[in-house]
Amino acid sequence: MSCRIGILGAGGWGTALAVLLHGNGHQVALWEFRKDAAEKLRALRENVDFLPGVAVPPEIEIDYRIQNIVESAKLF
């Protein structure tokens, strides 16, 4: 059963959780509060500051606008 899940916080734990949940078949949206960090994460598809070496799949949505994450997710 797939679910749309929002992760609030794109540090090491949040990024790892997003990748794990995506790998288990869920739709995942990841919130990073700093616009520049969200754009960097979205462009590189890797959290080089907090979880280097772990690829963030392109299907994981990354946004700095919390309302976009909250409005579309079923679980947090």
N, C-alpha and C. Protein backbone atom coordinates (compact mmCIF):
# COMPACT_ATOMS: atom_id res chain seq x y z
N MET A 1 0.84 -1.18 0.00
CA MET A 1 0.00 0.00 0.00
C MET A 1 0.89 1.24 0.00
N SER A 2 0.76 2.06 -1.01
CA SER A 2 1.55 3.27 -1.14
C SER A 2 0.84 4.45 -0.47
N CYS A 3 1.63 5.33 0.09
CA CYS A 3 1.08 6.50 0.77
C CYS A 3 1.91 7.72 0.40
N ARG A 4 1.30 8.89 0.40
CA ARG A 4 2.03 10.14 0.15
C ARG A 4 2.49 10.67 1.50
N ILE A 5 3.80 10.73 1.71
CA ILE A 5 4.39 11.08 3.00
C ILE A 5 5.23 12.34 2.87
N GLY A 6 5.05 13.28 3.80
CA GLY A 6 5.85 14.48 3.86
C GLY A 6 6.87 14.36 4.98
N ILE A 7 8.11 14.66 4.68
CA ILE A 7 9.19 14.66 5.67
C ILE A 7 9.54 16.11 5.94
N LEU A 8 9.38 16.54 7.18
CA LEU A 8 9.67 17.93 7.54
C LEU A 8 11.08 18.01 8.12
N GLY A 9 12.01 18.38 7.27
CA GLY A 9 13.40 18.51 7.66
C GLY A 9 14.28 17.66 6.76
N ALA A 10 15.23 18.31 6.08
CA ALA A 10 16.07 17.62 5.11
C ALA A 10 17.50 17.49 5.59
N GLY A 11 17.66 17.27 6.90
CA GLY A 11 18.99 16.96 7.42
C GLY A 11 19.34 15.52 7.07
N GLY A 12 20.30 14.97 7.75
CA GLY A 12 20.71 13.60 7.49
C GLY A 12 19.59 12.60 7.74
N TRP A 13 18.91 12.72 8.89
CA TRP A 13 17.82 11.80 9.23
C TRP A 13 16.66 11.94 8.26
N GLY A 14 16.25 13.16 7.97
CA GLY A 14 15.13 13.38 7.07
C GLY A 14 15.39 12.86 5.67
N THR A 15 16.59 13.11 5.18
CA THR A 15 16.97 12.63 3.86
C THR A 15 17.01 11.11 3.83
N ALA A 16 17.61 10.50 4.84
CA ALA A 16 17.68 9.04 4.91
C ALA A 16 16.28 8.43 4.97
N LEU A 17 15.41 9.02 5.77
CA LEU A 17 14.04 8.53 5.88
C LEU A 17 13.30 8.66 4.55
N ALA A 18 13.48 9.78 3.87
CA ALA A 18 12.84 9.99 2.57
C ALA A 18 13.28 8.93 1.57
N VAL A 19 14.58 8.65 1.52
CA VAL A 19 15.11 7.65 0.59
C VAL A 19 14.58 6.26 0.95
N LEU A 20 14.55 5.94 2.23
CA LEU A 20 14.05 4.64 2.69
C LEU A 20 12.57 4.45 2.34
N LEU A 21 11.76 5.46 2.65
CA LEU A 21 10.33 5.37 2.36
C LEU A 21 10.06 5.27 0.86
N HIS A 22 10.80 6.02 0.08
CA HIS A 22 10.68 5.93 -1.38
C HIS A 22 11.03 4.52 -1.85
N GLY A 23 12.10 3.97 -1.30
CA GLY A 23 12.50 2.61 -1.66
C GLY A 23 11.47 1.56 -1.30
N ASN A 24 10.61 1.88 -0.34
CA ASN A 24 9.53 0.98 0.07
C ASN A 24 8.24 1.26 -0.69
N GLY A 25 8.32 2.07 -1.74
CA GLY A 25 7.19 2.27 -2.63
C GLY A 25 6.27 3.45 -2.32
N HIS A 26 6.68 4.33 -1.43
CA HIS A 26 5.85 5.48 -1.08
C HIS A 26 6.22 6.70 -1.92
N GLN A 27 5.26 7.59 -2.09
CA GLN A 27 5.52 8.90 -2.70
C GLN A 27 5.99 9.80 -1.56
N VAL A 28 7.11 10.46 -1.76
CA VAL A 28 7.72 11.23 -0.67
C VAL A 28 7.99 12.66 -1.11
N ALA A 29 7.69 13.59 -0.20
CA ALA A 29 8.01 15.00 -0.38
C ALA A 29 8.88 15.42 0.80
N LEU A 30 9.99 16.07 0.53
CA LEU A 30 10.97 16.45 1.55
C LEU A 30 11.03 17.97 1.66
N TRP A 31 10.87 18.47 2.88
CA TRP A 31 10.89 19.92 3.11
C TRP A 31 12.24 20.35 3.67
N GLU A 32 12.85 21.32 3.01
CA GLU A 32 14.07 21.98 3.47
C GLU A 32 13.74 23.46 3.61
N PHE A 33 13.90 24.02 4.80
CA PHE A 33 13.43 25.39 5.05
C PHE A 33 14.26 26.47 4.37
N ARG A 34 15.50 26.16 4.02
CA ARG A 34 16.34 27.16 3.34
C ARG A 34 16.22 26.99 1.83
N LYS A 35 15.79 28.05 1.17
CA LYS A 35 15.55 27.98 -0.28
C LYS A 35 16.81 27.54 -1.03
N ASP A 36 17.95 28.13 -0.71
CA ASP A 36 19.19 27.80 -1.42
C ASP A 36 19.59 26.34 -1.19
N ALA A 37 19.40 25.83 0.01
CA ALA A 37 19.72 24.43 0.30
C ALA A 37 18.76 23.48 -0.42
N ALA A 38 17.48 23.85 -0.49
CA ALA A 38 16.50 23.03 -1.21
C ALA A 38 16.86 22.97 -2.70
N GLU A 39 17.23 24.09 -3.26
CA GLU A 39 17.59 24.13 -4.68
C GLU A 39 18.87 23.33 -4.95
N LYS A 40 19.83 23.40 -4.03
CA LYS A 40 21.06 22.63 -4.17
C LYS A 40 20.77 21.13 -4.10
N LEU A 41 19.94 20.73 -3.13
CA LEU A 41 19.57 19.33 -2.97
C LEU A 41 18.81 18.82 -4.19
N ARG A 42 17.92 19.65 -4.70
CA ARG A 42 17.13 19.28 -5.88
C ARG A 42 18.05 19.15 -7.12
N ALA A 43 19.03 20.03 -7.25
CA ALA A 43 19.93 20.01 -8.41
C ALA A 43 20.92 18.84 -8.35
N LEU A 44 21.51 18.61 -7.18
CA LEU A 44 22.53 17.58 -7.04
C LEU A 44 21.97 16.18 -6.80
N ARG A 45 20.72 16.13 -6.25
CA ARG A 45 20.09 14.87 -5.86
C ARG A 45 20.97 14.10 -4.88
N GLU A 46 21.66 14.85 -4.02
CA GLU A 46 22.49 14.30 -2.96
C GLU A 46 22.60 15.36 -1.87
N ASN A 47 22.46 14.95 -0.62
CA ASN A 47 22.59 15.86 0.50
C ASN A 47 24.06 15.86 0.92
N VAL A 48 24.88 16.64 0.20
CA VAL A 48 26.33 16.62 0.39
C VAL A 48 26.75 17.13 1.76
N ASP A 49 25.91 17.92 2.42
CA ASP A 49 26.25 18.46 3.73
C ASP A 49 25.97 17.49 4.87
N PHE A 50 24.89 16.72 4.79
CA PHE A 50 24.46 15.89 5.90
C PHE A 50 24.41 14.39 5.62
N LEU A 51 24.40 14.00 4.35
CA LEU A 51 24.35 12.58 4.01
C LEU A 51 25.06 12.34 2.67
N PRO A 52 26.35 12.66 2.62
CA PRO A 52 27.08 12.53 1.36
C PRO A 52 27.15 11.08 0.90
N GLY A 53 27.08 10.91 -0.42
CA GLY A 53 27.21 9.59 -1.01
C GLY A 53 25.90 8.84 -1.18
N VAL A 54 24.80 9.40 -0.67
CA VAL A 54 23.50 8.75 -0.80
C VAL A 54 22.68 9.52 -1.83
N ALA A 55 22.32 8.83 -2.89
CA ALA A 55 21.55 9.45 -3.97
C ALA A 55 20.10 9.65 -3.55
N VAL A 56 19.57 10.83 -3.86
CA VAL A 56 18.15 11.13 -3.62
C VAL A 56 17.43 10.93 -4.95
N PRO A 57 16.56 9.93 -5.02
CA PRO A 57 15.87 9.63 -6.29
C PRO A 57 15.10 10.84 -6.83
N PRO A 58 15.04 10.95 -8.15
CA PRO A 58 14.36 12.10 -8.75
C PRO A 58 12.86 12.15 -8.45
N GLU A 59 12.27 11.03 -8.06
CA GLU A 59 10.85 11.02 -7.72
C GLU A 59 10.53 11.68 -6.39
N ILE A 60 11.54 11.88 -5.55
CA ILE A 60 11.33 12.55 -4.27
C ILE A 60 11.24 14.05 -4.52
N GLU A 61 10.10 14.62 -4.14
CA GLU A 61 9.88 16.06 -4.29
C GLU A 61 10.65 16.78 -3.19
N ILE A 62 11.31 17.88 -3.54
CA ILE A 62 12.06 18.69 -2.57
C ILE A 62 11.58 20.12 -2.70
N ASP A 63 11.18 20.72 -1.58
CA ASP A 63 10.62 22.08 -1.64
C ASP A 63 10.95 22.82 -0.35
N TYR A 64 11.11 24.13 -0.44
CA TYR A 64 11.34 24.97 0.72
C TYR A 64 10.04 25.62 1.22
N ARG A 65 8.98 25.45 0.46
CA ARG A 65 7.68 26.02 0.85
C ARG A 65 6.88 24.94 1.56
N ILE A 66 6.80 25.07 2.87
CA ILE A 66 6.18 24.02 3.69
C ILE A 66 4.73 23.75 3.31
N GLN A 67 4.03 24.77 2.86
CA GLN A 67 2.62 24.57 2.51
C GLN A 67 2.47 23.58 1.36
N ASN A 68 3.42 23.55 0.45
CA ASN A 68 3.37 22.58 -0.66
C ASN A 68 3.51 21.15 -0.16
N ILE A 69 4.32 20.96 0.86
CA ILE A 69 4.53 19.63 1.43
C ILE A 69 3.31 19.22 2.24
N VAL A 70 2.85 20.11 3.10
CA VAL A 70 1.76 19.81 4.03
C VAL A 70 0.45 19.57 3.29
N GLU A 71 0.17 20.35 2.28
CA GLU A 71 -1.10 20.24 1.56
C GLU A 71 -1.20 18.95 0.76
N SER A 72 -0.10 18.39 0.33
CA SER A 72 -0.16 17.23 -0.55
C SER A 72 0.08 15.90 0.17
N ALA A 73 0.54 15.92 1.42
CA ALA A 73 0.89 14.69 2.12
C ALA A 73 -0.27 14.17 2.97
N LYS A 74 -0.30 12.85 3.13
CA LYS A 74 -1.28 12.20 3.99
C LYS A 74 -0.69 11.92 5.37
N LEU A 75 0.62 11.69 5.42
CA LEU A 75 1.34 11.41 6.68
C LEU A 75 2.56 12.31 6.78
N PHE A 76 2.98 12.57 8.02
CA PHE A 76 4.20 13.36 8.27
C PHE A 76 5.09 12.61 9.22
